[in-house]
C-alpha atoms as a PDB file:
ATOM      1  CA  MET A   1     -13.779 -19.893  -0.817  1.00  0.00           C
ATOM      2  CA  LYS A   2     -12.266 -22.316   1.674  1.00  0.00           C
ATOM      3  CA  THR A   3     -13.476 -22.066   5.240  1.00  0.00           C
ATOM      4  CA  ARG A   4     -11.202 -21.037   8.082  1.00  0.00           C
ATOM      5  CA  THR A   5     -11.394 -24.589   9.421  1.00  0.00           C
ATOM      6  CA  GLU A   6     -10.143 -25.982   6.115  1.00  0.00           C
ATOM      7  CA  LYS A   7      -7.303 -23.466   6.027  1.00  0.00           C
ATOM      8  CA  LEU A   8      -6.382 -24.237   9.627  1.00  0.00           C
ATOM      9  CA  GLU A   9      -6.236 -27.978   8.932  1.00  0.00           C
ATOM     10  CA  ARG A  10      -4.073 -27.380   5.874  1.00  0.00           C
ATOM     11  CA  PHE A  11      -1.745 -25.135   7.883  1.00  0.00           C
ATOM     12  CA  ARG A  12      -1.338 -27.769  10.590  1.00  0.00           C
ATOM     13  CA  ASP A  13      -0.640 -30.439   7.974  1.00  0.00           C
ATOM     14  CA  LEU A  14       2.123 -28.356   6.393  1.00  0.00           C
ATOM     15  CA  HIS A  15       3.987 -28.342   9.707  1.00  0.00           C
ATOM     16  CA  LYS A  16       3.875 -32.137   9.899  1.00  0.00           C
ATOM     17  CA  GLY A  17       6.272 -32.429   6.990  1.00  0.00           C
ATOM     18  CA  PRO A  18       7.966 -34.449   5.802  1.00  0.00           C
ATOM     19  CA  ARG A  19       9.580 -31.525   3.957  1.00  0.00           C
ATOM     20  CA  ALA A  20      10.227 -27.962   5.002  1.00  0.00           C
ATOM     21  CA  PHE A  21       7.987 -25.309   3.448  1.00  0.00           C
ATOM     22  CA  VAL A  22       8.367 -21.618   2.743  1.00  0.00           C
ATOM     23  CA  ILE A  23       5.747 -19.269   4.145  1.00  0.00           C
ATOM     24  CA  ALA A  24       5.974 -16.112   2.029  1.00  0.00           C
ATOM     25  CA  ASN A  25       5.245 -12.643   3.395  1.00  0.00           C
ATOM     26  CA  PRO A  26       3.039 -10.309   1.312  1.00  0.00           C
ATOM     27  CA  TRP A  27       2.363  -6.714   2.269  1.00  0.00           C
ATOM     28  CA  ASP A  28      -1.143  -6.264   0.849  1.00  0.00           C
ATOM     29  CA  ALA A  29      -3.972  -8.192  -0.792  1.00  0.00           C
ATOM     30  CA  GLY A  30      -2.499  -7.833  -4.273  1.00  0.00           C
ATOM     31  CA  SER A  31       0.924  -9.191  -3.379  1.00  0.00           C
ATOM     32  CA  ALA A  32      -0.813 -11.970  -1.429  1.00  0.00           C
ATOM     33  CA  ARG A  33      -2.720 -13.064  -4.531  1.00  0.00           C
ATOM     34  CA  MET A  34       0.440 -13.028  -6.590  1.00  0.00           C
ATOM     35  CA  LEU A  35       2.324 -15.194  -4.096  1.00  0.00           C
ATOM     36  CA  ALA A  36      -0.554 -17.644  -3.806  1.00  0.00           C
ATOM     37  CA  GLN A  37      -0.763 -17.917  -7.594  1.00  0.00           C
ATOM     38  CA  LEU A  38       2.969 -18.632  -7.698  1.00  0.00           C
ATOM     39  CA  GLY A  39       2.307 -21.708  -5.591  1.00  0.00           C
ATOM     40  CA  PHE A  40       3.180 -20.749  -2.024  1.00  0.00           C
ATOM     41  CA  GLU A  41       1.019 -22.956   0.175  1.00  0.00           C
ATOM     42  CA  ALA A  42       0.793 -20.524   3.090  1.00  0.00           C
ATOM     43  CA  LEU A  43       1.383 -16.831   3.665  1.00  0.00           C
ATOM     44  CA  ALA A  44       2.232 -14.642   6.623  1.00  0.00           C
ATOM     45  CA  THR A  45       2.046 -10.956   7.317  1.00  0.00           C
ATOM     46  CA  SER A  46       5.176  -9.031   8.286  1.00  0.00           C
ATOM     47  CA  SER A  47       4.892  -6.297  10.896  1.00  0.00           C
ATOM     48  CA  GLY A  48       7.597  -4.290   9.139  1.00  0.00           C
ATOM     49  CA  ALA A  49       6.000  -4.604   5.707  1.00  0.00           C
ATOM     50  CA  ALA A  50       2.562  -3.856   7.145  1.00  0.00           C
ATOM     51  CA  ALA A  51       3.916  -0.722   8.814  1.00  0.00           C
ATOM     52  CA  GLY A  52       5.406   0.326   5.474  1.00  0.00           C
ATOM     53  CA  THR A  53       1.962   0.256   3.861  1.00  0.00           C
ATOM     54  CA  PHE A  54       0.868   2.796   6.482  1.00  0.00           C
ATOM     55  CA  GLY A  55       3.936   4.946   5.873  1.00  0.00           C
ATOM     56  CA  ARG A  56       5.361   4.078   9.283  1.00  0.00           C
ATOM     57  CA  ARG A  57       8.244   2.194  10.810  1.00  0.00           C
ATOM     58  CA  ASP A  58       7.966  -1.274  12.311  1.00  0.00           C
ATOM     59  CA  GLY A  59       6.273  -1.264  15.705  1.00  0.00           C
ATOM     60  CA  LYS A  60       4.183   1.840  15.008  1.00  0.00           C
ATOM     61  CA  VAL A  61       0.949   0.114  13.956  1.00  0.00           C
ATOM     62  CA  THR A  62      -1.995  -0.391  16.315  1.00  0.00           C
ATOM     63  CA  ARG A  63      -3.621  -3.733  17.009  1.00  0.00           C
ATOM     64  CA  ALA A  64      -6.770  -2.699  15.161  1.00  0.00           C
ATOM     65  CA  GLU A  65      -4.742  -1.632  12.123  1.00  0.00           C
ATOM     66  CA  ALA A  66      -2.675  -4.826  12.130  1.00  0.00           C
ATOM     67  CA  LEU A  67      -5.749  -7.039  12.330  1.00  0.00           C
ATOM     68  CA  ALA A  68      -7.538  -5.117   9.574  1.00  0.00           C
ATOM     69  CA  HIS A  69      -4.436  -5.478   7.400  1.00  0.00           C
ATOM     70  CA  ALA A  70      -4.330  -9.214   8.120  1.00  0.00           C
ATOM     71  CA  ARG A  71      -8.028  -9.634   7.363  1.00  0.00           C
ATOM     72  CA  ALA A  72      -7.582  -8.055   3.913  1.00  0.00           C
ATOM     73  CA  ILE A  73      -4.868 -10.591   3.101  1.00  0.00           C
ATOM     74  CA  VAL A  74      -6.876 -13.518   4.510  1.00  0.00           C
ATOM     75  CA  GLU A  75      -9.879 -12.609   2.388  1.00  0.00           C
ATOM     76  CA  ALA A  76      -7.777 -12.269  -0.765  1.00  0.00           C
ATOM     77  CA  VAL A  77      -6.463 -15.840  -0.898  1.00  0.00           C
ATOM     78  CA  GLU A  78      -7.448 -19.486  -0.519  1.00  0.00           C
ATOM     79  CA  VAL A  79      -4.275 -20.479   1.347  1.00  0.00           C
ATOM     80  CA  PRO A  80      -3.844 -20.260   5.137  1.00  0.00           C
ATOM     81  CA  VAL A  81      -2.431 -17.021   6.529  1.00  0.00           C
ATOM     82  CA  SER A  82      -0.481 -16.461   9.731  1.00  0.00           C
ATOM     83  CA  ALA A  83       0.177 -13.036  11.237  1.00  0.00           C
ATOM     84  CA  ASP A  84       3.174 -11.297  12.732  1.00  0.00           C
ATOM     85  CA  LEU A  85       1.516  -9.947  15.872  1.00  0.00           C
ATOM     86  CA  GLU A  86       4.706  -8.606  17.460  1.00  0.00           C
ATOM     87  CA  LYS A  87       4.304  -8.770  21.262  1.00  0.00           C
ATOM     88  CA  CYS A  88       0.527  -9.106  20.772  1.00  0.00           C
ATOM     89  CA  PHE A  89       0.202  -5.385  21.470  1.00  0.00           C
ATOM     90  CA  ALA A  90       0.296  -5.848  25.241  1.00  0.00           C
ATOM     91  CA  ASP A  91       2.616  -6.639  28.110  1.00  0.00           C
ATOM     92  CA  ALA A  92       0.186  -8.394  30.456  1.00  0.00           C
ATOM     93  CA  PRO A  93      -0.440 -12.077  29.601  1.00  0.00           C
ATOM     94  CA  ARG A  94      -4.235 -11.865  29.522  1.00  0.00           C
ATOM     95  CA  GLU A  95      -4.205  -8.775  27.327  1.00  0.00           C
ATOM     96  CA  ALA A  96      -1.745 -10.394  24.937  1.00  0.00           C
ATOM     97  CA  ALA A  97      -3.956 -13.490  24.797  1.00  0.00           C
ATOM     98  CA  GLU A  98      -6.921 -11.313  23.849  1.00  0.00           C
ATOM     99  CA  THR A  99      -5.040 -10.386  20.680  1.00  0.00           C
ATOM    100  CA  ILE A 100      -4.946 -14.076  19.741  1.00  0.00           C
ATOM    101  CA  ARG A 101      -8.708 -14.344  20.168  1.00  0.00           C
ATOM    102  CA  LEU A 102      -9.279 -11.282  17.984  1.00  0.00           C
ATOM    103  CA  ALA A 103      -6.794 -12.553  15.399  1.00  0.00           C
ATOM    104  CA  ALA A 104      -8.694 -15.820  15.039  1.00  0.00           C
ATOM    105  CA  GLU A 105     -11.871 -13.842  14.366  1.00  0.00           C
ATOM    106  CA  THR A 106     -10.250 -12.276  11.273  1.00  0.00           C
ATOM    107  CA  GLY A 107      -9.899 -15.722   9.697  1.00  0.00           C
ATOM    108  CA  LEU A 108      -6.191 -16.113  10.399  1.00  0.00           C
ATOM    109  CA  ALA A 109      -4.942 -19.686  10.777  1.00  0.00           C
ATOM    110  CA  GLY A 110      -2.108 -18.653  13.056  1.00  0.00           C
ATOM    111  CA  GLY A 111      -0.003 -15.875  14.468  1.00  0.00           C
ATOM    112  CA  SER A 112       2.980 -15.081  16.645  1.00  0.00           C
ATOM    113  CA  ILE A 113       3.824 -13.748  20.069  1.00  0.00           C
ATOM    114  CA  GLU A 114       7.339 -12.546  20.844  1.00  0.00           C
ATOM    115  CA  ASP A 115       9.363 -11.663  23.921  1.00  0.00           C
ATOM    116  CA  ALA A 116      10.515  -8.226  22.722  1.00  0.00           C
ATOM    117  CA  THR A 117       9.153  -5.453  24.938  1.00  0.00           C
ATOM    118  CA  GLY A 118       9.548  -2.479  22.614  1.00  0.00           C
ATOM    119  CA  ASP A 119      11.533  -0.741  25.372  1.00  0.00           C
ATOM    120  CA  LYS A 120      15.111  -0.021  24.279  1.00  0.00           C
ATOM    121  CA  ASP A 121      16.258   0.100  27.922  1.00  0.00           C
ATOM    122  CA  LYS A 122      14.866  -3.380  28.595  1.00  0.00           C
ATOM    123  CA  PRO A 123      14.381  -5.016  25.197  1.00  0.00           C
ATOM    124  CA  LEU A 124      13.270  -8.471  26.387  1.00  0.00           C
ATOM    125  CA  PHE A 125      10.633  -9.625  28.845  1.00  0.00           C
ATOM    126  CA  ASP A 126      12.025 -11.470  31.840  1.00  0.00           C
ATOM    127  CA  PHE A 127      12.143 -15.224  31.305  1.00  0.00           C
ATOM    128  CA  ALA A 128       9.235 -16.087  33.612  1.00  0.00           C
ATOM    129  CA  LEU A 129       6.946 -13.377  32.241  1.00  0.00           C
ATOM    130  CA  ALA A 130       7.814 -14.305  28.654  1.00  0.00           C
ATOM    131  CA  ALA A 131       6.782 -17.906  29.308  1.00  0.00           C
ATOM    132  CA  GLU A 132       3.628 -16.809  31.137  1.00  0.00           C
ATOM    133  CA  ARG A 133       2.617 -14.694  28.155  1.00  0.00           C
ATOM    134  CA  VAL A 134       3.024 -17.668  25.810  1.00  0.00           C
ATOM    135  CA  ASN A 135       1.041 -19.871  28.172  1.00  0.00           C
ATOM    136  CA  ALA A 136      -1.865 -17.414  28.240  1.00  0.00           C
ATOM    137  CA  ALA A 137      -1.789 -17.072  24.450  1.00  0.00           C
ATOM    138  CA  SER A 138      -1.661 -20.846  23.958  1.00  0.00           C
ATOM    139  CA  GLU A 139      -4.705 -21.387  26.170  1.00  0.00           C
ATOM    140  CA  ILE A 140      -6.707 -19.097  23.898  1.00  0.00           C
ATOM    141  CA  SER A 141      -5.208 -20.575  20.731  1.00  0.00           C
ATOM    142  CA  ARG A 142      -6.292 -24.085  21.731  1.00  0.00           C
ATOM    143  CA  HIS A 143      -9.796 -22.805  22.431  1.00  0.00           C
ATOM    144  CA  VAL A 144     -10.272 -20.926  19.156  1.00  0.00           C
ATOM    145  CA  GLY A 145      -8.195 -23.174  16.868  1.00  0.00           C
ATOM    146  CA  PHE A 146      -5.015 -21.284  16.039  1.00  0.00           C
ATOM    147  CA  VAL A 147      -1.408 -22.223  15.242  1.00  0.00           C
ATOM    148  CA  LEU A 148       0.615 -20.228  17.769  1.00  0.00           C
ATOM    149  CA  THR A 149       4.225 -19.315  16.982  1.00  0.00           C
ATOM    150  CA  ALA A 150       6.333 -18.191  19.941  1.00  0.00           C
ATOM    151  CA  ARG A 151       9.518 -16.328  19.150  1.00  0.00           C
ATOM    152  CA  THR A 152      12.463 -15.087  21.151  1.00  0.00           C
ATOM    153  CA  GLU A 153      14.179 -11.958  19.902  1.00  0.00           C
ATOM    154  CA  ASN A 154      17.552 -12.564  21.567  1.00  0.00           C
ATOM    155  CA  PHE A 155      19.618 -12.337  18.389  1.00  0.00           C
ATOM    156  CA  LEU A 156      17.865  -9.168  17.226  1.00  0.00           C
ATOM    157  CA  ARG A 157      17.882  -7.363  20.581  1.00  0.00           C
ATOM    158  CA  GLY A 158      21.505  -7.416  21.619  1.00  0.00           C
ATOM    159  CA  LYS A 159      21.565 -10.787  23.385  1.00  0.00           C
ATOM    160  CA  PRO A 160      23.129 -13.301  20.961  1.00  0.00           C
ATOM    161  CA  ASP A 161      23.128 -16.072  23.563  1.00  0.00           C
ATOM    162  CA  LEU A 162      22.387 -19.476  22.038  1.00  0.00           C
ATOM    163  CA  ASP A 163      21.911 -21.207  25.387  1.00  0.00           C
ATOM    164  CA  ASP A 164      19.392 -18.629  26.581  1.00  0.00           C
ATOM    165  CA  THR A 165      17.647 -18.760  23.219  1.00  0.00           C
ATOM    166  CA  ILE A 166      17.201 -22.513  23.542  1.00  0.00           C
ATOM    167  CA  LYS A 167      16.084 -22.144  27.157  1.00  0.00           C
ATOM    168  CA  ARG A 168      13.409 -19.666  26.136  1.00  0.00           C
ATOM    169  CA  LEU A 169      12.221 -21.718  23.169  1.00  0.00           C
ATOM    170  CA  GLN A 170      11.967 -24.847  25.302  1.00  0.00           C
ATOM    171  CA  ALA A 171       9.950 -22.906  27.870  1.00  0.00           C
ATOM    172  CA  PHE A 172       7.653 -21.603  25.131  1.00  0.00           C
ATOM    173  CA  GLU A 173       7.237 -25.139  23.812  1.00  0.00           C
ATOM    174  CA  LYS A 174       6.314 -26.350  27.286  1.00  0.00           C
ATOM    175  CA  ALA A 175       3.901 -23.418  27.620  1.00  0.00           C
ATOM    176  CA  GLY A 176       1.946 -24.689  24.606  1.00  0.00           C
ATOM    177  CA  ALA A 177       3.330 -22.972  21.504  1.00  0.00           C
ATOM    178  CA  ASP A 178       2.869 -24.937  18.274  1.00  0.00           C
ATOM    179  CA  VAL A 179       5.859 -23.469  16.412  1.00  0.00           C
ATOM    180  CA  LEU A 180       9.080 -21.936  17.735  1.00  0.00           C
ATOM    181  CA  MET A 181      11.096 -19.129  16.184  1.00  0.00           C
ATOM    182  CA  ALA A 182      14.318 -17.195  16.849  1.00  0.00           C
ATOM    183  CA  PRO A 183      15.034 -14.568  14.181  1.00  0.00           C
ATOM    184  CA  GLY A 184      18.654 -13.755  13.442  1.00  0.00           C
ATOM    185  CA  VAL A 185      20.298 -17.095  14.215  1.00  0.00           C
ATOM    186  CA  PRO A 186      23.763 -16.524  12.712  1.00  0.00           C
ATOM    187  CA  ASP A 187      24.846 -19.899  11.305  1.00  0.00           C
ATOM    188  CA  LEU A 188      23.610 -23.320  10.272  1.00  0.00           C
ATOM    189  CA  GLN A 189      25.276 -25.107  13.186  1.00  0.00           C
ATOM    190  CA  SER A 190      23.311 -22.966  15.631  1.00  0.00           C
ATOM    191  CA  VAL A 191      20.131 -23.606  13.656  1.00  0.00           C
ATOM    192  CA  ALA A 192      20.748 -27.357  13.846  1.00  0.00           C
ATOM    193  CA  THR A 193      21.461 -27.163  17.578  1.00  0.00           C
ATOM    194  CA  ILE A 194      18.188 -25.326  18.163  1.00  0.00           C
ATOM    195  CA  CYS A 195      16.172 -27.778  16.080  1.00  0.00           C
ATOM    196  CA  LYS A 196      17.643 -30.764  17.930  1.00  0.00           C
ATOM    197  CA  SER A 197      16.675 -29.180  21.256  1.00  0.00           C
ATOM    198  CA  LEU A 198      12.983 -28.918  20.310  1.00  0.00           C
ATOM    199  CA  SER A 199      10.234 -31.419  19.653  1.00  0.00           C
ATOM    200  CA  LYS A 200       7.975 -28.962  17.820  1.00  0.00           C
ATOM    201  CA  PRO A 201       8.574 -27.282  14.436  1.00  0.00           C
ATOM    202  CA  PHE A 202      11.145 -24.508  14.186  1.00  0.00           C
ATOM    203  CA  ASN A 203      10.619 -21.530  11.869  1.00  0.00           C
ATOM    204  CA  PHE A 204      13.763 -19.988  10.397  1.00  0.00           C
ATOM    205  CA  MET A 205      13.491 -16.364   9.308  1.00  0.00           C
ATOM    206  CA  ALA A 206      15.299 -15.680   6.040  1.00  0.00           C
ATOM    207  CA  GLY A 207      15.954 -12.109   4.972  1.00  0.00           C
ATOM    208  CA  ILE A 208      19.076 -10.994   6.858  1.00  0.00           C
ATOM    209  CA  LYS A 209      22.190 -10.575   4.717  1.00  0.00           C
ATOM    210  CA  GLY A 210      24.811 -13.136   5.666  1.00  0.00           C
ATOM    211  CA  ARG A 211      22.328 -15.023   7.825  1.00  0.00           C
ATOM    212  CA  SER A 212      20.086 -16.574   5.170  1.00  0.00           C
ATOM    213  CA  PHE A 213      20.652 -20.063   3.817  1.00  0.00           C
ATOM    214  CA  THR A 214      19.136 -22.282   1.142  1.00  0.00           C
ATOM    215  CA  LEU A 215      15.975 -24.272   1.679  1.00  0.00           C
ATOM    216  CA  ALA A 216      17.966 -27.500   1.306  1.00  0.00           C
ATOM    217  CA  GLU A 217      20.512 -26.433   3.925  1.00  0.00           C
ATOM    218  CA  LEU A 218      17.835 -25.377   6.386  1.00  0.00           C
ATOM    219  CA  GLU A 219      15.823 -28.538   5.835  1.00  0.00           C
ATOM    220  CA  ALA A 220      18.940 -30.625   6.503  1.00  0.00           C
ATOM    221  CA  ALA A 221      19.451 -28.672   9.736  1.00  0.00           C
ATOM    222  CA  GLY A 222      15.971 -29.661  10.892  1.00  0.00           C
ATOM    223  CA  VAL A 223      13.970 -26.555  10.009  1.00  0.00           C
ATOM    224  CA  ARG A 224      10.319 -27.204   9.217  1.00  0.00           C
ATOM    225  CA  ARG A 225       9.160 -23.703   8.159  1.00  0.00           C
ATOM    226  CA  ILE A 226      10.979 -20.795   6.503  1.00  0.00           C
ATOM    227  CA  SER A 227       9.561 -17.270   6.532  1.00  0.00           C
ATOM    228  CA  LEU A 228      10.783 -14.328   4.463  1.00  0.00           C
ATOM    229  CA  ALA A 229      10.037 -11.430   6.845  1.00  0.00           C
ATOM    230  CA  THR A 230      10.190  -8.045   5.076  1.00  0.00           C
ATOM    231  CA  SER A 231      12.523  -9.254   2.325  1.00  0.00           C
ATOM    232  CA  LEU A 232       9.967  -9.433  -0.506  1.00  0.00           C
ATOM    233  CA  TYR A 233       8.605  -6.013   0.462  1.00  0.00           C
ATOM    234  CA  ARG A 234      12.145  -4.625   0.513  1.00  0.00           C
ATOM    235  CA  ALA A 235      12.819  -6.205  -2.879  1.00  0.00           C
ATOM    236  CA  ALA A 236       9.731  -4.479  -4.286  1.00  0.00           C
ATOM    237  CA  MET A 237      10.677  -1.155  -2.700  1.00  0.00           C
ATOM    238  CA  SER A 238      14.211  -1.517  -4.081  1.00  0.00           C
ATOM    239  CA  GLY A 239      12.703  -1.719  -7.570  1.00  0.00           C
ATOM    240  CA  LEU A 240      10.546   1.332  -6.872  1.00  0.00           C
ATOM    241  CA  LEU A 241      13.513   3.396  -5.671  1.00  0.00           C
ATOM    242  CA  GLU A 242      15.682   2.334  -8.601  1.00  0.00           C
ATOM    243  CA  ALA A 243      13.002   3.289 -11.133  1.00  0.00           C
ATOM    244  CA  ALA A 244      12.078   6.561  -9.440  1.00  0.00           C
ATOM    245  CA  ARG A 245      15.709   7.639  -9.124  1.00  0.00           C
ATOM    246  CA  GLU A 246      16.297   6.917 -12.800  1.00  0.00           C
ATOM    247  CA  VAL A 247      13.414   9.218 -13.717  1.00  0.00           C
ATOM    248  CA  ARG A 248      14.352  11.905 -11.211  1.00  0.00           C
ATOM    249  CA  GLU A 249      18.099  11.909 -11.759  1.00  0.00           C
ATOM    250  CA  LYS A 250      18.479  10.907 -15.415  1.00  0.00           C
ATOM    251  CA  GLY A 251      15.158  11.820 -16.999  1.00  0.00           C
ATOM    252  CA  SER A 252      15.027   8.404 -18.656  1.00  0.00           C
ATOM    253  CA  PHE A 253      12.574   5.508 -18.429  1.00  0.00           C
ATOM    254  CA  GLY A 254      14.744   2.464 -18.985  1.00  0.00           C
ATOM    255  CA  TYR A 255      13.124   0.691 -16.035  1.00  0.00           C
ATOM    256  CA  LEU A 256      10.032   0.194 -18.206  1.00  0.00           C
ATOM    257  CA  GLU A 257      11.906  -2.424 -20.220  1.00  0.00           C
ATOM    258  CA  ARG A 258      12.364  -4.510 -17.075  1.00  0.00           C
ATOM    259  CA  THR A 259       8.807  -4.324 -15.697  1.00  0.00           C
ATOM    260  CA  ILE A 260       6.014  -6.850 -16.073  1.00  0.00           C
ATOM    261  CA  ALA A 261       3.343  -5.823 -18.582  1.00  0.00           C
ATOM    262  CA  THR A 262      -0.058  -4.841 -17.192  1.00  0.00           C
ATOM    263  CA  PRO A 263      -1.940  -7.732 -18.882  1.00  0.00           C
ATOM    264  CA  ASP A 264       0.531 -10.210 -17.383  1.00  0.00           C
ATOM    265  CA  LEU A 265       0.240  -8.588 -13.974  1.00  0.00           C
ATOM    266  CA  ASN A 266      -3.551  -8.689 -14.164  1.00  0.00           C
ATOM    267  CA  LYS A 267      -3.453 -12.460 -14.620  1.00  0.00           C
ATOM    268  CA  PHE A 268      -2.407 -12.741 -10.967  1.00  0.00           C
ATOM    269  CA  LEU A 269      -5.308 -10.585  -9.781  1.00  0.00           C
ATOM    270  CA  GLN A 270      -8.309 -12.308 -11.330  1.00  0.00           C
END
């Protein structure tokens, strides 16, 4: 098994290019092994997919549960793993930074901090506090060895303001983040504008209908990393619902003809 240091070095190297890479998002140890066997060079947890494994909605998982979930994925694969840590389970900068320290202890090579508050009446942290939170997290990440991704949720939280998005990402970059992210960017021109405004790698989140583009298009726009969010989990759950509804509503088992055979599935889990 590779050491955390080896995984961390590999993760840093992937961000140096020269090509963009896809960081796939499993939802448990089994799906992580399958994705690694398929050749994905790094993986990341998804808060929404993780919540689904607990039978909950996104945002309803505790820090301890999220870190235990991440540890199971880390220990299942040889590739580096980053974690979706939401707002780092705290509002105060020092408390958010503590999540980064604990995340590193699980073996994670990286993780994210975002500016969404979880409060529908005030969905985003004020600019200054958002930057202060990233600064505190980056101080810990440099100490423990951790690739910190800072993300602004403008486009997902009712503030589709490109200028403010760039302002926040530039502030997060200055505060010490290693990777920048803005989920929900609506078009390739906006993606390119964001990438040109930054000197550190930008992560594009694929998975939103009408707002997902090809790897080649994103690479040409300047994207260095592409994550898949909950999309693989949703694809798997779509298959589950289709099969279960066929059985429940039609009394037939045609879905069996489209499923992978158990021996072939087991090859991914050795």
